[in-house]
């Protein structure tokens, strides 16, 4: 088995390139950093940032067929 390679570190522009993910209510935005996810065949992976505005609200859970790992960050001004 090959050892897992260390991830590449790169600067991310956190002010531009955000989009509202399909099915999400207003106030939810994503920035996809890397993806080879094939949702039809359930293969691959995706790395993204998810930004939730302070007043955003969702009444439905977001359901998908793959596992995810979440890291929570809080922006301060």
PDB file of N, CA and C in Angstrom:
ATOM      1  N   UNK A   1       0.837  -1.173   0.000  1.00  0.00           N
ATOM      2  CA  UNK A   1       0.000   0.000   0.000  1.00  0.00           C
ATOM      3  C   UNK A   1       0.890   1.245   0.000  1.00  0.00           C
ATOM      4  N   UNK A   2       0.555   2.189  -0.870  1.00  0.00           N
ATOM      5  CA  UNK A   2       1.328   3.427  -0.941  1.00  0.00           C
ATOM      6  C   UNK A   2       0.912   4.364   0.191  1.00  0.00           C
ATOM      7  N   UNK A   3       1.871   5.031   0.827  1.00  0.00           N
ATOM      8  CA  UNK A   3       1.507   6.001   1.862  1.00  0.00           C
ATOM      9  C   UNK A   3       0.782   7.191   1.238  1.00  0.00           C
ATOM     10  N   UNK A   4      -0.136   7.765   1.991  1.00  0.00           N
ATOM     11  CA  UNK A   4      -0.878   8.928   1.521  1.00  0.00           C
ATOM     12  C   UNK A   4       0.060  10.115   1.393  1.00  0.00           C
ATOM     13  N   UNK A   5      -0.035  10.813   0.279  1.00  0.00           N
ATOM     14  CA  UNK A   5       0.813  11.974   0.050  1.00  0.00           C
ATOM     15  C   UNK A   5       0.325  13.163   0.867  1.00  0.00           C
ATOM     16  N   UNK A   6       1.239  13.992   1.285  1.00  0.00           N
ATOM     17  CA  UNK A   6       0.878  15.206   2.012  1.00  0.00           C
ATOM     18  C   UNK A   6       0.150  16.147   1.069  1.00  0.00           C
ATOM     19  N   UNK A   7      -0.908  16.815   1.562  1.00  0.00           N
ATOM     20  CA  UNK A   7      -1.631  17.748   0.688  1.00  0.00           C
ATOM     21  C   UNK A   7      -0.773  18.955   0.338  1.00  0.00           C
ATOM     22  N   UNK A   8      -0.997  19.496  -0.847  1.00  0.00           N
ATOM     23  CA  UNK A   8      -0.304  20.714  -1.253  1.00  0.00           C
ATOM     24  C   UNK A   8      -0.945  21.903  -0.559  1.00  0.00           C
ATOM     25  N   UNK A   9      -0.136  22.818  -0.118  1.00  0.00           N
ATOM     26  CA  UNK A   9      -0.636  24.019   0.531  1.00  0.00           C
ATOM     27  C   UNK A   9      -0.605  25.142  -0.492  1.00  0.00           C
ATOM     28  N   UNK A  10      -1.723  25.839  -0.610  1.00  0.00           N
ATOM     29  CA  UNK A  10      -1.778  26.957  -1.546  1.00  0.00           C
ATOM     30  C   UNK A  10      -2.658  28.050  -0.967  1.00  0.00           C
ATOM     31  N   UNK A  11      -2.439  29.247  -1.427  1.00  0.00           N
ATOM     32  CA  UNK A  11      -3.232  30.380  -0.980  1.00  0.00           C
ATOM     33  C   UNK A  11      -4.611  30.321  -1.628  1.00  0.00           C
ATOM     34  N   UNK A  12      -5.648  30.630  -0.856  1.00  0.00           N
ATOM     35  CA  UNK A  12      -7.018  30.606  -1.358  1.00  0.00           C
ATOM     36  C   UNK A  12      -7.606  32.008  -1.247  1.00  0.00           C
ATOM     37  N   UNK A  13      -8.169  32.499  -2.345  1.00  0.00           N
ATOM     38  CA  UNK A  13      -8.841  33.797  -2.348  1.00  0.00           C
ATOM     39  C   UNK A  13     -10.216  33.609  -1.701  1.00  0.00           C
ATOM     40  N   UNK A  14     -10.389  34.085  -0.486  1.00  0.00           N
ATOM     41  CA  UNK A  14     -11.651  33.891   0.224  1.00  0.00           C
ATOM     42  C   UNK A  14     -12.682  34.975  -0.097  1.00  0.00           C
ATOM     43  N   UNK A  15     -12.328  35.931  -0.949  1.00  0.00           N
ATOM     44  CA  UNK A  15     -13.260  36.997  -1.296  1.00  0.00           C
ATOM     45  C   UNK A  15     -13.970  36.768  -2.622  1.00  0.00           C
ATOM     46  N   UNK A  16     -13.469  35.906  -3.475  1.00  0.00           N
ATOM     47  CA  UNK A  16     -14.055  35.712  -4.805  1.00  0.00           C
ATOM     48  C   UNK A  16     -14.254  34.224  -5.094  1.00  0.00           C
ATOM     49  N   UNK A  17     -15.133  33.946  -6.053  1.00  0.00           N
ATOM     50  CA  UNK A  17     -15.308  32.579  -6.527  1.00  0.00           C
ATOM     51  C   UNK A  17     -16.330  31.739  -5.777  1.00  0.00           C
ATOM     52  N   UNK A  18     -17.177  32.356  -4.963  1.00  0.00           N
ATOM     53  CA  UNK A  18     -18.199  31.622  -4.218  1.00  0.00           C
ATOM     54  C   UNK A  18     -19.439  31.456  -5.075  1.00  0.00           C
ATOM     55  N   UNK A  19     -20.127  30.335  -4.931  1.00  0.00           N
ATOM     56  CA  UNK A  19     -21.379  30.088  -5.647  1.00  0.00           C
ATOM     57  C   UNK A  19     -22.370  29.413  -4.695  1.00  0.00           C
ATOM     58  N   UNK A  20     -23.636  29.613  -4.948  1.00  0.00           N
ATOM     59  CA  UNK A  20     -24.644  28.950  -4.118  1.00  0.00           C
ATOM     60  C   UNK A  20     -24.805  27.520  -4.620  1.00  0.00           C
ATOM     61  N   UNK A  21     -24.618  26.526  -3.750  1.00  0.00           N
ATOM     62  CA  UNK A  21     -24.752  25.136  -4.178  1.00  0.00           C
ATOM     63  C   UNK A  21     -26.192  24.822  -4.575  1.00  0.00           C
ATOM     64  N   UNK A  22     -26.394  23.959  -5.575  1.00  0.00           N
ATOM     65  CA  UNK A  22     -27.748  23.578  -5.971  1.00  0.00           C
ATOM     66  C   UNK A  22     -28.523  23.001  -4.780  1.00  0.00           C
ATOM     67  N   UNK A  23     -29.745  23.481  -4.593  1.00  0.00           N
ATOM     68  CA  UNK A  23     -30.592  22.969  -3.528  1.00  0.00           C
ATOM     69  C   UNK A  23     -30.431  23.653  -2.186  1.00  0.00           C
ATOM     70  N   UNK A  24     -29.444  24.519  -2.047  1.00  0.00           N
ATOM     71  CA  UNK A  24     -29.233  25.227  -0.781  1.00  0.00           C
ATOM     72  C   UNK A  24     -30.068  26.506  -0.776  1.00  0.00           C
ATOM     73  N   UNK A  25     -30.530  26.949   0.393  1.00  0.00           N
ATOM     74  CA  UNK A  25     -31.256  28.219   0.475  1.00  0.00           C
ATOM     75  C   UNK A  25     -30.293  29.406   0.393  1.00  0.00           C
ATOM     76  N   UNK A  26     -30.823  30.614   0.230  1.00  0.00           N
ATOM     77  CA  UNK A  26     -29.969  31.813   0.220  1.00  0.00           C
ATOM     78  C   UNK A  26     -29.128  31.893   1.494  1.00  0.00           C
ATOM     79  N   UNK A  27     -27.912  32.417   1.345  1.00  0.00           N
ATOM     80  CA  UNK A  27     -27.018  32.576   2.482  1.00  0.00           C
ATOM     81  C   UNK A  27     -26.003  31.462   2.634  1.00  0.00           C
ATOM     82  N   UNK A  28     -26.086  30.431   1.788  1.00  0.00           N
ATOM     83  CA  UNK A  28     -25.136  29.319   1.794  1.00  0.00           C
ATOM     84  C   UNK A  28     -24.325  29.400   0.500  1.00  0.00           C
ATOM     85  N   UNK A  29     -23.001  29.340   0.633  1.00  0.00           N
ATOM     86  CA  UNK A  29     -22.120  29.450  -0.533  1.00  0.00           C
ATOM     87  C   UNK A  29     -21.000  28.423  -0.428  1.00  0.00           C
ATOM     88  N   UNK A  30     -20.532  27.969  -1.578  1.00  0.00           N
ATOM     89  CA  UNK A  30     -19.415  27.032  -1.592  1.00  0.00           C
ATOM     90  C   UNK A  30     -18.332  27.526  -2.525  1.00  0.00           C
ATOM     91  N   UNK A  31     -17.138  27.073  -2.224  1.00  0.00           N
ATOM     92  CA  UNK A  31     -15.986  27.307  -3.097  1.00  0.00           C
ATOM     93  C   UNK A  31     -15.310  25.951  -3.230  1.00  0.00           C
ATOM     94  N   UNK A  32     -15.379  25.356  -4.406  1.00  0.00           N
ATOM     95  CA  UNK A  32     -14.788  24.041  -4.632  1.00  0.00           C
ATOM     96  C   UNK A  32     -13.300  24.216  -4.887  1.00  0.00           C
ATOM     97  N   UNK A  33     -12.493  23.559  -4.063  1.00  0.00           N
ATOM     98  CA  UNK A  33     -11.038  23.657  -4.184  1.00  0.00           C
ATOM     99  C   UNK A  33     -10.477  22.558  -5.078  1.00  0.00           C
ATOM    100  N   UNK A  34     -11.066  21.369  -5.004  1.00  0.00           N
ATOM    101  CA  UNK A  34     -10.634  20.243  -5.837  1.00  0.00           C
ATOM    102  C   UNK A  34     -11.784  19.246  -5.907  1.00  0.00           C
ATOM    103  N   UNK A  35     -11.961  18.606  -7.053  1.00  0.00           N
ATOM    104  CA  UNK A  35     -13.038  17.628  -7.166  1.00  0.00           C
ATOM    105  C   UNK A  35     -12.787  16.672  -8.325  1.00  0.00           C
ATOM    106  N   UNK A  36     -12.954  15.395  -8.036  1.00  0.00           N
ATOM    107  CA  UNK A  36     -13.061  14.384  -9.080  1.00  0.00           C
ATOM    108  C   UNK A  36     -14.276  13.517  -8.753  1.00  0.00           C
ATOM    109  N   UNK A  37     -15.254  14.100  -8.046  1.00  0.00           N
ATOM    110  CA  UNK A  37     -16.425  13.382  -7.575  1.00  0.00           C
ATOM    111  C   UNK A  37     -17.344  13.039  -8.740  1.00  0.00           C
ATOM    112  N   UNK A  38     -17.653  11.767  -8.874  1.00  0.00           N
ATOM    113  CA  UNK A  38     -18.612  11.260  -9.846  1.00  0.00           C
ATOM    114  C   UNK A  38     -19.829  10.820  -9.033  1.00  0.00           C
ATOM    115  N   UNK A  39     -20.825  11.699  -8.922  1.00  0.00           N
ATOM    116  CA  UNK A  39     -21.976  11.419  -8.076  1.00  0.00           C
ATOM    117  C   UNK A  39     -22.842  10.281  -8.620  1.00  0.00           C
ATOM    118  N   UNK A  40     -22.879  10.099  -9.935  1.00  0.00           N
ATOM    119  CA  UNK A  40     -23.671   9.018 -10.530  1.00  0.00           C
ATOM    120  C   UNK A  40     -23.103   7.660 -10.148  1.00  0.00           C
ATOM    121  N   UNK A  41     -21.783   7.487 -10.299  1.00  0.00           N
ATOM    122  CA  UNK A  41     -21.143   6.204  -9.997  1.00  0.00           C
ATOM    123  C   UNK A  41     -20.612   6.116  -8.565  1.00  0.00           C
ATOM    124  N   UNK A  42     -20.789   7.204  -7.806  1.00  0.00           N
ATOM    125  CA  UNK A  42     -20.386   7.256  -6.398  1.00  0.00           C
ATOM    126  C   UNK A  42     -18.900   6.953  -6.210  1.00  0.00           C
ATOM    127  N   UNK A  43     -18.072   7.666  -6.995  1.00  0.00           N
ATOM    128  CA  UNK A  43     -16.628   7.527  -6.926  1.00  0.00           C
ATOM    129  C   UNK A  43     -15.987   8.902  -6.796  1.00  0.00           C
ATOM    130  N   UNK A  44     -14.808   8.944  -6.209  1.00  0.00           N
ATOM    131  CA  UNK A  44     -14.037  10.178  -6.152  1.00  0.00           C
ATOM    132  C   UNK A  44     -14.222  10.934  -4.860  1.00  0.00           C
ATOM    133  N   UNK A  45     -13.760  12.187  -4.885  1.00  0.00           N
ATOM    134  CA  UNK A  45     -13.831  13.017  -3.681  1.00  0.00           C
ATOM    135  C   UNK A  45     -13.919  14.483  -4.074  1.00  0.00           C
ATOM    136  N   UNK A  46     -14.270  15.297  -3.094  1.00  0.00           N
ATOM    137  CA  UNK A  46     -14.365  16.740  -3.315  1.00  0.00           C
ATOM    138  C   UNK A  46     -13.866  17.442  -2.056  1.00  0.00           C
ATOM    139  N   UNK A  47     -13.123  18.506  -2.265  1.00  0.00           N
ATOM    140  CA  UNK A  47     -12.697  19.363  -1.165  1.00  0.00           C
ATOM    141  C   UNK A  47     -13.288  20.732  -1.433  1.00  0.00           C
ATOM    142  N   UNK A  48     -14.029  21.241  -0.461  1.00  0.00           N
ATOM    143  CA  UNK A  48     -14.668  22.537  -0.654  1.00  0.00           C
ATOM    144  C   UNK A  48     -14.726  23.308   0.650  1.00  0.00           C
ATOM    145  N   UNK A  49     -14.916  24.598   0.503  1.00  0.00           N
ATOM    146  CA  UNK A  49     -15.219  25.455   1.633  1.00  0.00           C
ATOM    147  C   UNK A  49     -16.705  25.757   1.551  1.00  0.00           C
ATOM    148  N   UNK A  50     -17.392  25.721   2.668  1.00  0.00           N
ATOM    149  CA  UNK A  50     -18.804  26.072   2.729  1.00  0.00           C
ATOM    150  C   UNK A  50     -18.931  27.274   3.646  1.00  0.00           C
ATOM    151  N   UNK A  51     -19.511  28.347   3.114  1.00  0.00           N
ATOM    152  CA  UNK A  51     -19.681  29.575   3.887  1.00  0.00           C
ATOM    153  C   UNK A  51     -21.169  29.755   4.164  1.00  0.00           C
ATOM    154  N   UNK A  52     -21.506  29.999   5.440  1.00  0.00           N
ATOM    155  CA  UNK A  52     -22.891  30.207   5.841  1.00  0.00           C
ATOM    156  C   UNK A  52     -22.996  31.599   6.453  1.00  0.00           C
ATOM    157  N   UNK A  53     -23.819  32.442   5.844  1.00  0.00           N
ATOM    158  CA  UNK A  53     -24.002  33.798   6.341  1.00  0.00           C
ATOM    159  C   UNK A  53     -24.683  33.760   7.710  1.00  0.00           C
ATOM    160  N   UNK A  54     -24.430  34.756   8.564  1.00  0.00           N
ATOM    161  CA  UNK A  54     -24.977  34.747   9.930  1.00  0.00           C
ATOM    162  C   UNK A  54     -26.497  34.587  10.010  1.00  0.00           C
ATOM    163  N   UNK A  55     -27.259  35.163   9.095  1.00  0.00           N
ATOM    164  CA  UNK A  55     -28.717  35.082   9.163  1.00  0.00           C
ATOM    165  C   UNK A  55     -29.302  33.964   8.296  1.00  0.00           C
ATOM    166  N   UNK A  56     -28.461  33.117   7.717  1.00  0.00           N
ATOM    167  CA  UNK A  56     -28.951  32.042   6.852  1.00  0.00           C
ATOM    168  C   UNK A  56     -29.646  30.972   7.683  1.00  0.00           C
ATOM    169  N   UNK A  57     -30.652  30.351   7.075  1.00  0.00           N
ATOM    170  CA  UNK A  57     -31.435  29.347   7.793  1.00  0.00           C
ATOM    171  C   UNK A  57     -31.868  28.266   6.815  1.00  0.00           C
ATOM    172  N   UNK A  58     -31.777  27.029   7.231  1.00  0.00           N
ATOM    173  CA  UNK A  58     -32.200  25.895   6.412  1.00  0.00           C
ATOM    174  C   UNK A  58     -33.142  25.027   7.230  1.00  0.00           C
ATOM    175  N   UNK A  59     -34.185  24.541   6.596  1.00  0.00           N
ATOM    176  CA  UNK A  59     -35.149  23.683   7.291  1.00  0.00           C
ATOM    177  C   UNK A  59     -35.004  22.215   6.918  1.00  0.00           C
ATOM    178  N   UNK A  60     -34.228  21.935   5.883  1.00  0.00           N
ATOM    179  CA  UNK A  60     -34.045  20.566   5.405  1.00  0.00           C
ATOM    180  C   UNK A  60     -32.581  20.152   5.507  1.00  0.00           C
ATOM    181  N   UNK A  61     -32.322  18.912   5.927  1.00  0.00           N
ATOM    182  CA  UNK A  61     -30.926  18.451   5.935  1.00  0.00           C
ATOM    183  C   UNK A  61     -30.436  18.242   4.506  1.00  0.00           C
ATOM    184  N   UNK A  62     -29.158  18.435   4.298  1.00  0.00           N
ATOM    185  CA  UNK A  62     -28.552  18.165   2.992  1.00  0.00           C
ATOM    186  C   UNK A  62     -28.082  16.722   3.002  1.00  0.00           C
ATOM    187  N   UNK A  63     -28.633  15.907   2.128  1.00  0.00           N
ATOM    188  CA  UNK A  63     -28.371  14.473   2.120  1.00  0.00           C
ATOM    189  C   UNK A  63     -27.605  14.108   0.854  1.00  0.00           C
ATOM    190  N   UNK A  64     -26.561  13.283   1.009  1.00  0.00           N
ATOM    191  CA  UNK A  64     -25.820  12.773  -0.137  1.00  0.00           C
ATOM    192  C   UNK A  64     -25.302  11.376   0.200  1.00  0.00           C
ATOM    193  N   UNK A  65     -24.803  10.698  -0.821  1.00  0.00           N
ATOM    194  CA  UNK A  65     -24.393   9.297  -0.682  1.00  0.00           C
ATOM    195  C   UNK A  65     -22.915   9.109  -0.385  1.00  0.00           C
ATOM    196  N   UNK A  66     -22.229  10.114   0.085  1.00  0.00           N
ATOM    197  CA  UNK A  66     -20.819   9.953   0.411  1.00  0.00           C
ATOM    198  C   UNK A  66     -20.556  10.559   1.786  1.00  0.00           C
ATOM    199  N   UNK A  67     -19.510  10.077   2.419  1.00  0.00           N
ATOM    200  CA  UNK A  67     -19.185  10.589   3.758  1.00  0.00           C
ATOM    201  C   UNK A  67     -18.449  11.902   3.618  1.00  0.00           C
ATOM    202  N   UNK A  68     -18.475  12.677   4.673  1.00  0.00           N
ATOM    203  CA  UNK A  68     -17.761  13.945   4.653  1.00  0.00           C
ATOM    204  C   UNK A  68     -17.094  14.185   5.995  1.00  0.00           C
ATOM    205  N   UNK A  69     -16.072  14.976   5.943  1.00  0.00           N
ATOM    206  CA  UNK A  69     -15.361  15.416   7.143  1.00  0.00           C
ATOM    207  C   UNK A  69     -15.528  16.925   7.204  1.00  0.00           C
ATOM    208  N   UNK A  70     -15.920  17.431   8.337  1.00  0.00           N
ATOM    209  CA  UNK A  70     -16.181  18.861   8.487  1.00  0.00           C
ATOM    210  C   UNK A  70     -15.187  19.490   9.449  1.00  0.00           C
ATOM    211  N   UNK A  71     -14.731  20.650   9.085  1.00  0.00           N
ATOM    212  CA  UNK A  71     -13.926  21.482   9.969  1.00  0.00           C
ATOM    213  C   UNK A  71     -14.633  22.825  10.043  1.00  0.00           C
ATOM    214  N   UNK A  72     -14.963  23.259  11.224  1.00  0.00           N
ATOM    215  CA  UNK A  72     -15.694  24.508  11.410  1.00  0.00           C
ATOM    216  C   UNK A  72     -14.725  25.649  11.695  1.00  0.00           C
ATOM    217  N   UNK A  73     -14.946  26.761  11.015  1.00  0.00           N
ATOM    218  CA  UNK A  73     -14.161  27.966  11.231  1.00  0.00           C
ATOM    219  C   UNK A  73     -15.129  29.119  11.441  1.00  0.00           C
ATOM    220  N   UNK A  74     -14.723  30.051  12.240  1.00  0.00           N
ATOM    221  CA  UNK A  74     -15.545  31.243  12.431  1.00  0.00           C
ATOM    222  C   UNK A  74     -14.699  32.457  12.059  1.00  0.00           C
ATOM    223  N   UNK A  75     -15.240  33.248  11.160  1.00  0.00           N
ATOM    224  CA  UNK A  75     -14.518  34.445  10.723  1.00  0.00           C
ATOM    225  C   UNK A  75     -14.709  35.553  11.752  1.00  0.00           C
ATOM    226  N   UNK A  76     -13.673  36.298  11.971  1.00  0.00           N
ATOM    227  CA  UNK A  76     -13.761  37.460  12.850  1.00  0.00           C
ATOM    228  C   UNK A  76     -13.306  38.681  12.080  1.00  0.00           C
ATOM    229  N   UNK A  77     -13.833  39.796  12.455  1.00  0.00           N
ATOM    230  CA  UNK A  77     -13.433  41.016  11.742  1.00  0.00           C
ATOM    231  C   UNK A  77     -12.603  41.905  12.618  1.00  0.00           C
TER     232      UNK A  77
END
